[in-house]
Amino acid sequence: MKNLLFLFFFIFNTTTYANSELYESDLYYLEKNEVLFYKILNWWSNETQENNTEFCFKNLKARSNNTLDLKYNDKTKKLRISTKEKFADLISVFDDPNTNLKNEYINKNYFKNLKIENIKNISSIVLSNISLSQFKKINKIKNNLAFEVEGEVLGLLAYSGKVSFHKSGDFLRSCPKISDSKFNITFKILNIKTKEVLIKIFFKEKQ
């Protein structure tokens, strides 16, 4: 019965999806099911759910839902890709991105000698060593590009009200501690039309 109620309130069909942009600028997927995530946060933050851990360690993915902004400097050969609004605003992705960077995947069909600058937030990423021809290739598919971040729910933060992908800070709803767990976070730039990944960055929680 509990699972049926969960499906009824949080997973929505195509008709409901048409109205989701009124509440969330990004798309959220919980265990591969598209959800209105703000409703889940409101439910979990309620006092009656103080000891509820139903969402702990669930896979959560957010995808940008608006066209990305591309700004290219032909002198510095740098390309900034960003969202007009803050991306994945309902998630606290990492507490210190500069120390969490693990490794990366770069699609050589688009980038040859790419370097990714330090990521301070996932709403904007700067790419270096981008030639004009590479930029033009990316710009042609601009309307199909999206940011995507994915991780596991580790709790609900007290002051920001965001669900957390890390274990730092004050939690309103804490998830049980599991030893030897690996909570990896991935960030992608992808072509949503072809499903092709252009860049994939792996983050690892600080130990």
N, C-alpha and C. Protein backbone atom coordinates (compact mmCIF):
# COMPACT_ATOMS: atom_id res chain seq x y z
N MET A 1 0.83 -1.21 0.00
CA MET A 1 0.00 0.00 0.00
C MET A 1 0.87 1.26 0.00
N LYS A 2 1.96 1.19 0.77
CA LYS A 2 2.87 2.33 0.88
C LYS A 2 3.47 2.68 -0.48
N ASN A 3 3.88 1.63 -1.21
CA ASN A 3 4.47 1.85 -2.53
C ASN A 3 3.46 2.40 -3.51
N LEU A 4 2.19 1.96 -3.39
CA LEU A 4 1.15 2.46 -4.27
C LEU A 4 0.90 3.95 -4.04
N LEU A 5 0.91 4.37 -2.77
CA LEU A 5 0.75 5.78 -2.45
C LEU A 5 1.91 6.60 -2.99
N PHE A 6 3.11 6.04 -2.89
CA PHE A 6 4.28 6.73 -3.42
C PHE A 6 4.15 6.96 -4.92
N LEU A 7 3.72 5.92 -5.62
CA LEU A 7 3.55 6.05 -7.07
C LEU A 7 2.47 7.05 -7.41
N PHE A 8 1.40 7.05 -6.64
CA PHE A 8 0.28 7.94 -6.93
C PHE A 8 0.65 9.41 -6.78
N PHE A 9 1.40 9.73 -5.72
CA PHE A 9 1.69 11.13 -5.42
C PHE A 9 2.90 11.69 -6.17
N PHE A 10 3.88 10.84 -6.48
CA PHE A 10 5.15 11.39 -6.94
C PHE A 10 5.51 11.09 -8.39
N ILE A 11 5.01 10.03 -8.97
CA ILE A 11 5.34 9.71 -10.36
C ILE A 11 4.19 10.20 -11.23
N PHE A 12 4.52 11.00 -12.26
CA PHE A 12 3.44 11.59 -13.02
C PHE A 12 3.53 11.21 -14.48
N ASN A 13 2.37 11.21 -15.14
CA ASN A 13 2.30 10.79 -16.53
C ASN A 13 2.54 11.97 -17.46
N THR A 14 2.40 11.75 -18.75
CA THR A 14 2.69 12.78 -19.75
C THR A 14 1.82 14.01 -19.58
N THR A 15 0.55 13.83 -19.22
CA THR A 15 -0.36 14.96 -19.05
C THR A 15 0.10 15.87 -17.93
N THR A 16 0.49 15.28 -16.79
CA THR A 16 0.97 16.07 -15.66
C THR A 16 2.29 16.74 -15.99
N TYR A 17 3.12 16.07 -16.75
CA TYR A 17 4.44 16.60 -17.11
C TYR A 17 4.33 17.95 -17.81
N ALA A 18 3.26 18.16 -18.55
CA ALA A 18 3.09 19.42 -19.28
C ALA A 18 3.06 20.61 -18.33
N ASN A 19 2.66 20.38 -17.07
CA ASN A 19 2.57 21.47 -16.11
C ASN A 19 3.77 21.54 -15.17
N SER A 20 4.74 20.61 -15.31
CA SER A 20 5.84 20.54 -14.35
C SER A 20 6.73 21.77 -14.39
N GLU A 21 6.83 22.44 -15.53
CA GLU A 21 7.69 23.61 -15.65
C GLU A 21 7.20 24.77 -14.78
N LEU A 22 5.95 24.72 -14.36
CA LEU A 22 5.42 25.76 -13.48
C LEU A 22 6.06 25.68 -12.10
N TYR A 23 6.59 24.50 -11.74
CA TYR A 23 7.12 24.30 -10.40
C TYR A 23 8.62 24.05 -10.37
N GLU A 24 9.16 23.41 -11.39
CA GLU A 24 10.57 23.08 -11.42
C GLU A 24 11.13 23.37 -12.80
N SER A 25 12.25 24.09 -12.85
CA SER A 25 12.85 24.42 -14.14
C SER A 25 13.65 23.26 -14.70
N ASP A 26 14.02 22.29 -13.85
CA ASP A 26 14.76 21.11 -14.29
C ASP A 26 13.88 19.87 -14.16
N LEU A 27 14.34 18.79 -14.79
CA LEU A 27 13.63 17.52 -14.71
C LEU A 27 14.33 16.64 -13.68
N TYR A 28 13.55 15.96 -12.83
CA TYR A 28 14.10 15.12 -11.79
C TYR A 28 13.60 13.69 -11.97
N TYR A 29 14.54 12.74 -11.76
CA TYR A 29 14.22 11.33 -11.89
C TYR A 29 14.67 10.61 -10.62
N LEU A 30 13.75 9.92 -9.98
CA LEU A 30 14.05 9.14 -8.79
C LEU A 30 13.92 7.67 -9.15
N GLU A 31 15.04 6.94 -9.09
CA GLU A 31 15.05 5.54 -9.51
C GLU A 31 14.46 5.40 -10.92
N LYS A 32 14.86 6.28 -11.82
CA LYS A 32 14.49 6.29 -13.24
C LYS A 32 13.05 6.73 -13.50
N ASN A 33 12.31 7.08 -12.46
CA ASN A 33 10.94 7.56 -12.61
C ASN A 33 10.92 9.08 -12.53
N GLU A 34 10.32 9.74 -13.51
CA GLU A 34 10.24 11.20 -13.49
C GLU A 34 9.27 11.64 -12.39
N VAL A 35 9.70 12.60 -11.59
CA VAL A 35 8.92 13.02 -10.42
C VAL A 35 8.87 14.53 -10.31
N LEU A 36 7.88 15.02 -9.59
CA LEU A 36 7.85 16.42 -9.15
C LEU A 36 8.60 16.45 -7.82
N PHE A 37 9.89 16.75 -7.88
CA PHE A 37 10.75 16.54 -6.73
C PHE A 37 10.44 17.48 -5.58
N TYR A 38 9.94 18.67 -5.87
CA TYR A 38 9.64 19.60 -4.78
C TYR A 38 8.57 19.01 -3.86
N LYS A 39 7.68 18.18 -4.40
CA LYS A 39 6.65 17.54 -3.58
C LYS A 39 7.28 16.53 -2.63
N ILE A 40 8.29 15.82 -3.11
CA ILE A 40 8.98 14.85 -2.26
C ILE A 40 9.69 15.56 -1.12
N LEU A 41 10.35 16.67 -1.42
CA LEU A 41 11.03 17.44 -0.37
C LEU A 41 10.05 17.96 0.67
N ASN A 42 8.92 18.47 0.20
CA ASN A 42 7.90 18.98 1.12
C ASN A 42 7.39 17.87 2.03
N TRP A 43 7.18 16.70 1.46
CA TRP A 43 6.67 15.56 2.22
C TRP A 43 7.68 15.09 3.25
N TRP A 44 8.94 14.98 2.84
CA TRP A 44 9.98 14.45 3.72
C TRP A 44 10.32 15.43 4.84
N SER A 45 10.16 16.71 4.60
CA SER A 45 10.48 17.71 5.63
C SER A 45 9.39 17.84 6.69
N ASN A 46 8.24 17.24 6.45
CA ASN A 46 7.14 17.29 7.41
C ASN A 46 7.51 16.59 8.71
N GLU A 47 7.05 17.13 9.82
CA GLU A 47 7.40 16.58 11.14
C GLU A 47 7.01 15.12 11.29
N THR A 48 5.93 14.70 10.65
CA THR A 48 5.47 13.33 10.77
C THR A 48 6.43 12.34 10.10
N GLN A 49 7.35 12.86 9.28
CA GLN A 49 8.31 11.98 8.59
C GLN A 49 9.71 12.06 9.22
N GLU A 50 9.75 12.42 10.50
CA GLU A 50 11.03 12.65 11.19
C GLU A 50 11.96 11.44 11.11
N ASN A 51 11.44 10.25 11.24
CA ASN A 51 12.27 9.04 11.24
C ASN A 51 12.19 8.27 9.93
N ASN A 52 11.65 8.90 8.92
CA ASN A 52 11.47 8.21 7.64
C ASN A 52 12.77 8.21 6.84
N THR A 53 13.19 7.05 6.39
CA THR A 53 14.41 6.91 5.57
C THR A 53 14.09 6.29 4.21
N GLU A 54 12.86 6.44 3.78
CA GLU A 54 12.42 5.79 2.54
C GLU A 54 13.23 6.22 1.33
N PHE A 55 13.69 7.46 1.30
CA PHE A 55 14.40 7.96 0.13
C PHE A 55 15.92 7.80 0.23
N CYS A 56 16.39 7.33 1.37
CA CYS A 56 17.83 7.19 1.56
C CYS A 56 18.44 6.22 0.56
N PHE A 57 19.56 6.64 -0.02
CA PHE A 57 20.35 5.85 -0.96
C PHE A 57 19.63 5.55 -2.27
N LYS A 58 18.52 6.24 -2.52
CA LYS A 58 17.85 6.12 -3.81
C LYS A 58 18.65 6.89 -4.86
N ASN A 59 18.64 6.40 -6.07
CA ASN A 59 19.32 7.09 -7.16
C ASN A 59 18.49 8.28 -7.62
N LEU A 60 19.12 9.45 -7.64
CA LEU A 60 18.43 10.68 -8.04
C LEU A 60 19.20 11.34 -9.18
N LYS A 61 18.47 11.74 -10.21
CA LYS A 61 19.09 12.39 -11.37
C LYS A 61 18.33 13.65 -11.71
N ALA A 62 19.08 14.70 -12.02
CA ALA A 62 18.47 15.96 -12.46
C ALA A 62 19.02 16.31 -13.83
N ARG A 63 18.14 16.79 -14.71
CA ARG A 63 18.55 17.18 -16.06
C ARG A 63 18.02 18.57 -16.36
N SER A 64 18.89 19.42 -16.91
CA SER A 64 18.46 20.78 -17.26
C SER A 64 17.37 20.73 -18.31
N ASN A 65 16.42 21.64 -18.19
CA ASN A 65 15.23 21.59 -19.04
C ASN A 65 15.12 22.80 -19.96
N ASN A 66 16.17 23.61 -20.02
CA ASN A 66 16.16 24.78 -20.89
C ASN A 66 17.44 24.79 -21.72
N THR A 67 17.41 25.50 -22.84
CA THR A 67 18.58 25.56 -23.72
C THR A 67 19.78 26.14 -22.99
N LEU A 68 20.93 25.48 -23.12
CA LEU A 68 22.14 25.95 -22.49
C LEU A 68 22.70 27.16 -23.22
N ASP A 69 23.39 28.01 -22.47
CA ASP A 69 23.99 29.21 -23.04
C ASP A 69 25.46 28.93 -23.35
N LEU A 70 25.89 29.20 -24.58
CA LEU A 70 27.28 28.99 -24.99
C LEU A 70 27.94 30.33 -25.25
N LYS A 71 29.10 30.56 -24.63
CA LYS A 71 29.87 31.78 -24.86
C LYS A 71 31.30 31.40 -25.18
N TYR A 72 31.73 31.73 -26.39
CA TYR A 72 33.05 31.34 -26.86
C TYR A 72 33.94 32.55 -27.07
N ASN A 73 35.19 32.44 -26.60
CA ASN A 73 36.19 33.49 -26.79
C ASN A 73 37.26 32.94 -27.73
N ASP A 74 37.30 33.46 -28.96
CA ASP A 74 38.23 32.92 -29.95
C ASP A 74 39.69 33.28 -29.66
N LYS A 75 39.92 34.26 -28.77
CA LYS A 75 41.29 34.63 -28.42
C LYS A 75 41.86 33.69 -27.36
N THR A 76 41.07 33.41 -26.33
CA THR A 76 41.53 32.53 -25.26
C THR A 76 41.22 31.06 -25.54
N LYS A 77 40.39 30.81 -26.56
CA LYS A 77 39.98 29.45 -26.92
C LYS A 77 39.21 28.78 -25.78
N LYS A 78 38.44 29.60 -25.06
CA LYS A 78 37.65 29.07 -23.96
C LYS A 78 36.16 29.12 -24.29
N LEU A 79 35.48 28.07 -23.88
CA LEU A 79 34.04 27.97 -24.09
C LEU A 79 33.36 27.80 -22.74
N ARG A 80 32.44 28.73 -22.42
CA ARG A 80 31.66 28.61 -21.19
C ARG A 80 30.27 28.09 -21.55
N ILE A 81 29.89 27.01 -20.90
CA ILE A 81 28.56 26.44 -21.09
C ILE A 81 27.82 26.58 -19.77
N SER A 82 26.66 27.19 -19.79
CA SER A 82 25.96 27.46 -18.53
C SER A 82 24.45 27.43 -18.72
N THR A 83 23.77 27.39 -17.59
CA THR A 83 22.32 27.48 -17.57
C THR A 83 21.93 28.89 -17.16
N LYS A 84 20.80 29.37 -17.68
CA LYS A 84 20.35 30.73 -17.35
C LYS A 84 19.94 30.82 -15.89
N GLU A 85 19.37 29.74 -15.37
CA GLU A 85 19.01 29.67 -13.96
C GLU A 85 19.88 28.61 -13.29
N LYS A 86 19.94 28.63 -11.98
CA LYS A 86 20.78 27.67 -11.27
C LYS A 86 20.31 26.25 -11.54
N PHE A 87 21.24 25.40 -11.91
CA PHE A 87 20.90 24.02 -12.26
C PHE A 87 20.80 23.14 -11.02
N ALA A 88 19.81 22.23 -11.03
CA ALA A 88 19.59 21.27 -9.94
C ALA A 88 19.51 21.97 -8.59
N ASP A 89 18.70 23.00 -8.52
CA ASP A 89 18.62 23.85 -7.35
C ASP A 89 18.06 23.14 -6.11
N LEU A 90 17.44 21.98 -6.30
CA LEU A 90 16.87 21.25 -5.17
C LEU A 90 17.85 20.24 -4.58
N ILE A 91 19.09 20.22 -5.11
CA ILE A 91 20.10 19.26 -4.66
C ILE A 91 21.35 20.00 -4.20
N SER A 92 21.90 19.56 -3.06
CA SER A 92 23.23 20.01 -2.65
C SER A 92 24.19 18.94 -3.17
N VAL A 93 24.88 19.25 -4.26
CA VAL A 93 25.64 18.23 -4.97
C VAL A 93 26.93 17.86 -4.26
N PHE A 94 27.75 18.87 -3.91
CA PHE A 94 28.99 18.59 -3.18
C PHE A 94 29.35 19.79 -2.32
N ASP A 95 30.09 19.51 -1.25
CA ASP A 95 30.45 20.59 -0.32
C ASP A 95 31.74 21.28 -0.74
N ASP A 96 32.61 20.59 -1.46
CA ASP A 96 33.87 21.19 -1.90
C ASP A 96 34.28 20.56 -3.23
N PRO A 97 33.79 21.09 -4.35
CA PRO A 97 34.03 20.46 -5.65
C PRO A 97 35.49 20.37 -6.06
N ASN A 98 36.32 21.29 -5.61
CA ASN A 98 37.73 21.29 -6.03
C ASN A 98 38.51 20.09 -5.49
N THR A 99 38.06 19.51 -4.38
CA THR A 99 38.76 18.36 -3.83
C THR A 99 38.06 17.05 -4.17
N ASN A 100 36.87 17.13 -4.73
CA ASN A 100 36.11 15.92 -5.01
C ASN A 100 36.28 15.38 -6.42
N LEU A 101 36.91 16.16 -7.32
CA LEU A 101 37.05 15.72 -8.70
C LEU A 101 37.86 14.44 -8.77
N LYS A 102 37.30 13.41 -9.40
CA LYS A 102 37.95 12.11 -9.48
C LYS A 102 38.58 11.91 -10.85
N ASN A 103 37.81 11.84 -11.89
CA ASN A 103 38.32 11.71 -13.25
C ASN A 103 37.23 12.10 -14.23
N GLU A 104 37.52 11.94 -15.51
CA GLU A 104 36.57 12.43 -16.49
C GLU A 104 36.60 11.62 -17.78
N TYR A 105 35.49 11.68 -18.52
CA TYR A 105 35.40 11.08 -19.85
C TYR A 105 35.13 12.22 -20.83
N ILE A 106 35.89 12.26 -21.92
CA ILE A 106 35.71 13.29 -22.94
C ILE A 106 35.51 12.63 -24.29
N ASN A 107 34.44 13.01 -24.97
CA ASN A 107 34.12 12.45 -26.27
C ASN A 107 35.03 13.06 -27.33
N LYS A 108 35.90 12.25 -27.89
CA LYS A 108 36.89 12.73 -28.86
C LYS A 108 36.27 13.12 -30.20
N ASN A 109 35.02 12.77 -30.41
CA ASN A 109 34.35 13.21 -31.63
C ASN A 109 34.04 14.70 -31.61
N TYR A 110 34.07 15.28 -30.41
CA TYR A 110 33.77 16.70 -30.26
C TYR A 110 34.97 17.50 -29.76
N PHE A 111 35.79 16.89 -28.92
CA PHE A 111 36.89 17.62 -28.30
C PHE A 111 38.21 16.87 -28.51
N LYS A 112 39.25 17.59 -28.90
CA LYS A 112 40.55 16.98 -29.16
C LYS A 112 41.50 17.14 -27.98
N ASN A 113 41.79 18.39 -27.61
CA ASN A 113 42.74 18.67 -26.53
C ASN A 113 42.08 19.45 -25.40
N LEU A 114 40.89 19.04 -25.09
CA LEU A 114 40.08 19.75 -24.10
C LEU A 114 40.67 19.68 -22.70
N LYS A 115 40.57 20.81 -21.97
CA LYS A 115 40.86 20.86 -20.55
C LYS A 115 39.66 21.46 -19.84
N ILE A 116 39.28 20.86 -18.74
CA ILE A 116 38.14 21.33 -17.96
C ILE A 116 38.65 22.10 -16.76
N GLU A 117 38.24 23.35 -16.64
CA GLU A 117 38.70 24.17 -15.51
C GLU A 117 37.98 23.77 -14.23
N ASN A 118 38.53 24.18 -13.09
CA ASN A 118 37.94 23.84 -11.80
C ASN A 118 36.46 24.19 -11.76
N ILE A 119 35.66 23.26 -11.32
CA ILE A 119 34.21 23.46 -11.28
C ILE A 119 33.81 23.94 -9.89
N LYS A 120 33.32 25.16 -9.81
CA LYS A 120 32.87 25.72 -8.53
C LYS A 120 31.38 25.48 -8.32
N ASN A 121 30.65 25.33 -9.41
CA ASN A 121 29.23 24.95 -9.32
C ASN A 121 28.85 24.30 -10.64
N ILE A 122 27.82 23.49 -10.61
CA ILE A 122 27.46 22.72 -11.80
C ILE A 122 26.53 23.48 -12.75
N SER A 123 26.30 24.75 -12.47
CA SER A 123 25.47 25.55 -13.37
C SER A 123 26.30 26.17 -14.49
N SER A 124 27.62 26.10 -14.36
CA SER A 124 28.50 26.70 -15.37
C SER A 124 29.80 25.93 -15.43
N ILE A 125 30.24 25.60 -16.64
CA ILE A 125 31.49 24.87 -16.82
C ILE A 125 32.29 25.55 -17.91
N VAL A 126 33.60 25.71 -17.68
CA VAL A 126 34.48 26.36 -18.64
C VAL A 126 35.42 25.33 -19.25
N LEU A 127 35.46 25.29 -20.58
CA LEU A 127 36.30 24.35 -21.31
C LEU A 127 37.40 25.13 -22.03
N SER A 128 38.64 24.69 -21.88
CA SER A 128 39.78 25.35 -22.51
C SER A 128 40.27 24.53 -23.71
N ASN A 129 41.08 25.19 -24.56
CA ASN A 129 41.65 24.56 -25.76
C ASN A 129 40.58 24.14 -26.76
N ILE A 130 39.57 24.97 -26.91
CA ILE A 130 38.49 24.70 -27.86
C ILE A 130 38.75 25.51 -29.13
N SER A 131 38.91 24.81 -30.23
CA SER A 131 39.14 25.50 -31.51
C SER A 131 37.82 26.07 -32.03
N LEU A 132 37.92 26.98 -32.98
CA LEU A 132 36.72 27.58 -33.55
C LEU A 132 35.86 26.53 -34.24
N SER A 133 36.48 25.59 -34.92
CA SER A 133 35.72 24.53 -35.60
C SER A 133 35.00 23.64 -34.60
N GLN A 134 35.64 23.37 -33.47
CA GLN A 134 35.00 22.57 -32.43
C GLN A 134 33.80 23.32 -31.85
N PHE A 135 33.98 24.61 -31.61
CA PHE A 135 32.87 25.41 -31.09
C PHE A 135 31.69 25.40 -32.07
N LYS A 136 31.96 25.57 -33.35
CA LYS A 136 30.89 25.58 -34.34
C LYS A 136 30.14 24.25 -34.36
N LYS A 137 30.87 23.17 -34.17
CA LYS A 137 30.23 21.85 -34.14
C LYS A 137 29.30 21.72 -32.94
N ILE A 138 29.76 22.24 -31.80
CA ILE A 138 28.94 22.20 -30.59
C ILE A 138 27.74 23.14 -30.73
N ASN A 139 27.98 24.30 -31.29
CA ASN A 139 26.92 25.31 -31.42
C ASN A 139 25.77 24.83 -32.32
N LYS A 140 26.09 23.97 -33.28
CA LYS A 140 25.06 23.45 -34.18
C LYS A 140 24.03 22.59 -33.44
N ILE A 141 24.47 21.95 -32.37
CA ILE A 141 23.56 21.08 -31.61
C ILE A 141 23.17 21.71 -30.27
N LYS A 142 23.35 23.01 -30.18
CA LYS A 142 23.08 23.75 -28.94
C LYS A 142 21.72 23.42 -28.34
N ASN A 143 20.69 23.38 -29.17
CA ASN A 143 19.33 23.15 -28.68
C ASN A 143 19.11 21.74 -28.15
N ASN A 144 20.03 20.84 -28.42
CA ASN A 144 19.91 19.46 -27.95
C ASN A 144 20.77 19.16 -26.73
N LEU A 145 21.56 20.14 -26.30
CA LEU A 145 22.47 19.91 -25.18
C LEU A 145 21.78 20.08 -23.83
N ALA A 146 22.21 19.29 -22.87
CA ALA A 146 21.66 19.39 -21.52
C ALA A 146 22.72 19.01 -20.50
N PHE A 147 22.60 19.59 -19.31
CA PHE A 147 23.40 19.17 -18.16
C PHE A 147 22.64 18.05 -17.46
N GLU A 148 23.39 17.14 -16.87
CA GLU A 148 22.75 16.08 -16.08
C GLU A 148 23.66 15.73 -14.91
N VAL A 149 23.09 15.66 -13.72
CA VAL A 149 23.84 15.27 -12.53
C VAL A 149 23.11 14.12 -11.86
N GLU A 150 23.88 13.17 -11.33
CA GLU A 150 23.28 11.97 -10.76
C GLU A 150 24.06 11.53 -9.52
N GLY A 151 23.33 11.09 -8.51
CA GLY A 151 23.96 10.62 -7.29
C GLY A 151 22.95 9.88 -6.42
N GLU A 152 23.34 9.64 -5.17
CA GLU A 152 22.47 8.95 -4.23
C GLU A 152 22.04 9.89 -3.11
N VAL A 153 20.80 9.75 -2.68
CA VAL A 153 20.25 10.59 -1.62
C VAL A 153 20.88 10.18 -0.28
N LEU A 154 21.53 11.14 0.38
CA LEU A 154 22.17 10.86 1.68
C LEU A 154 21.51 11.61 2.83
N GLY A 155 20.43 12.34 2.53
CA GLY A 155 19.73 13.03 3.60
C GLY A 155 19.13 14.34 3.12
N LEU A 156 18.42 15.01 4.02
CA LEU A 156 17.78 16.30 3.73
C LEU A 156 18.40 17.35 4.63
N LEU A 157 18.99 18.38 4.04
CA LEU A 157 19.67 19.41 4.82
C LEU A 157 18.69 20.32 5.54
N ALA A 158 19.07 20.77 6.73
CA ALA A 158 18.16 21.51 7.59
C ALA A 158 17.88 22.92 7.12
N TYR A 159 18.90 23.67 6.73
CA TYR A 159 18.71 25.09 6.46
C TYR A 159 18.36 25.40 5.01
N SER A 160 18.94 24.70 4.09
CA SER A 160 18.65 24.95 2.68
C SER A 160 17.40 24.20 2.22
N GLY A 161 17.04 23.13 2.92
CA GLY A 161 15.90 22.32 2.51
C GLY A 161 16.17 21.46 1.29
N LYS A 162 17.46 21.34 0.92
CA LYS A 162 17.82 20.55 -0.25
C LYS A 162 18.17 19.12 0.14
N VAL A 163 17.94 18.20 -0.79
CA VAL A 163 18.42 16.84 -0.58
C VAL A 163 19.92 16.85 -0.86
N SER A 164 20.67 16.02 -0.14
CA SER A 164 22.12 16.06 -0.23
C SER A 164 22.71 14.83 -0.89
N PHE A 165 23.74 15.06 -1.72
CA PHE A 165 24.54 13.99 -2.30
C PHE A 165 25.81 13.75 -1.49
N HIS A 166 26.01 14.52 -0.41
CA HIS A 166 27.20 14.38 0.43
C HIS A 166 26.77 14.29 1.89
N LYS A 167 27.73 14.03 2.77
CA LYS A 167 27.41 13.81 4.18
C LYS A 167 27.85 14.94 5.10
N SER A 168 28.09 16.12 4.52
CA SER A 168 28.54 17.27 5.32
C SER A 168 27.37 18.22 5.59
N GLY A 169 27.41 18.88 6.75
CA GLY A 169 26.39 19.87 7.07
C GLY A 169 25.39 19.39 8.10
N ASP A 170 24.43 20.26 8.43
CA ASP A 170 23.38 19.94 9.40
C ASP A 170 22.19 19.34 8.66
N PHE A 171 21.75 18.18 9.10
CA PHE A 171 20.69 17.46 8.42
C PHE A 171 19.38 17.51 9.20
N LEU A 172 18.31 17.77 8.48
CA LEU A 172 16.97 17.67 9.05
C LEU A 172 16.55 16.21 9.07
N ARG A 173 16.88 15.48 8.00
CA ARG A 173 16.60 14.04 7.89
C ARG A 173 17.91 13.35 7.54
N SER A 174 18.44 12.57 8.46
CA SER A 174 19.70 11.89 8.23
C SER A 174 19.46 10.46 7.77
N CYS A 175 20.33 10.00 6.88
CA CYS A 175 20.27 8.62 6.43
C CYS A 175 21.20 7.78 7.29
N PRO A 176 20.89 6.50 7.46
CA PRO A 176 21.75 5.63 8.28
C PRO A 176 23.18 5.59 7.72
N LYS A 177 24.15 5.46 8.60
CA LYS A 177 25.54 5.37 8.15
C LYS A 177 25.84 3.94 7.72
N ILE A 178 26.43 3.81 6.54
CA ILE A 178 26.80 2.50 6.01
C ILE A 178 28.30 2.50 5.76
N SER A 179 29.01 1.59 6.41
CA SER A 179 30.46 1.55 6.26
C SER A 179 30.85 1.01 4.89
N ASP A 180 31.99 1.47 4.40
CA ASP A 180 32.55 1.01 3.12
C ASP A 180 31.64 1.31 1.93
N SER A 181 30.82 2.33 2.05
CA SER A 181 29.96 2.72 0.94
C SER A 181 30.70 3.68 0.02
N LYS A 182 30.41 3.60 -1.25
CA LYS A 182 31.01 4.49 -2.24
C LYS A 182 29.90 5.32 -2.88
N PHE A 183 29.82 6.58 -2.50
CA PHE A 183 28.79 7.44 -3.02
C PHE A 183 29.38 8.33 -4.11
N ASN A 184 29.28 7.87 -5.34
CA ASN A 184 29.85 8.60 -6.46
C ASN A 184 28.81 9.51 -7.10
N ILE A 185 29.28 10.64 -7.57
CA ILE A 185 28.43 11.63 -8.23
C ILE A 185 28.95 11.81 -9.65
N THR A 186 28.05 11.85 -10.62
CA THR A 186 28.47 12.07 -12.00
C THR A 186 27.77 13.31 -12.56
N PHE A 187 28.52 14.04 -13.38
CA PHE A 187 27.99 15.21 -14.07
C PHE A 187 28.24 15.02 -15.57
N LYS A 188 27.22 15.28 -16.38
CA LYS A 188 27.35 15.06 -17.82
C LYS A 188 26.88 16.27 -18.62
N ILE A 189 27.47 16.41 -19.79
CA ILE A 189 26.89 17.23 -20.84
C ILE A 189 26.53 16.24 -21.93
N LEU A 190 25.27 16.20 -22.31
CA LEU A 190 24.83 15.19 -23.26
C LEU A 190 23.92 15.77 -24.33
N ASN A 191 23.85 15.04 -25.43
CA ASN A 191 22.94 15.34 -26.51
C ASN A 191 21.67 14.54 -26.25
N ILE A 192 20.60 15.23 -25.83
CA ILE A 192 19.38 14.52 -25.44
C ILE A 192 18.66 13.92 -26.64
N LYS A 193 19.01 14.36 -27.84
CA LYS A 193 18.37 13.82 -29.04
C LYS A 193 18.99 12.49 -29.43
N THR A 194 20.32 12.41 -29.39
CA THR A 194 21.01 11.18 -29.79
C THR A 194 21.44 10.33 -28.60
N LYS A 195 21.30 10.85 -27.36
CA LYS A 195 21.73 10.18 -26.13
C LYS A 195 23.26 10.09 -26.02
N GLU A 196 23.96 10.83 -26.84
CA GLU A 196 25.41 10.80 -26.84
C GLU A 196 25.96 11.68 -25.72
N VAL A 197 26.94 11.14 -24.96
CA VAL A 197 27.58 11.89 -23.89
C VAL A 197 28.79 12.61 -24.45
N LEU A 198 28.85 13.94 -24.26
CA LEU A 198 29.99 14.72 -24.72
C LEU A 198 31.08 14.78 -23.65
N ILE A 199 30.66 15.00 -22.42
CA ILE A 199 31.59 15.07 -21.29
C ILE A 199 30.93 14.37 -20.10
N LYS A 200 31.72 13.60 -19.37
CA LYS A 200 31.23 12.98 -18.14
C LYS A 200 32.31 13.14 -17.08
N ILE A 201 31.96 13.77 -15.98
CA ILE A 201 32.90 14.03 -14.89
C ILE A 201 32.45 13.23 -13.67
N PHE A 202 33.40 12.53 -13.06
CA PHE A 202 33.10 11.73 -11.89
C PHE A 202 33.62 12.44 -10.64
N PHE A 203 32.76 12.57 -9.66
CA PHE A 203 33.14 13.14 -8.37
C PHE A 203 33.07 12.04 -7.33
N LYS A 204 33.92 12.14 -6.33
CA LYS A 204 33.93 11.16 -5.24
C LYS A 204 33.87 11.90 -3.93
N GLU A 205 33.03 11.42 -3.03
CA GLU A 205 32.88 12.06 -1.73
C GLU A 205 34.21 12.03 -0.96
N LYS A 206 34.51 13.14 -0.28
CA LYS A 206 35.71 13.18 0.56
C LYS A 206 35.60 12.18 1.70
N GLN A 207 36.70 11.54 2.00
CA GLN A 207 36.71 10.57 3.09
C GLN A 207 37.13 11.26 4.39
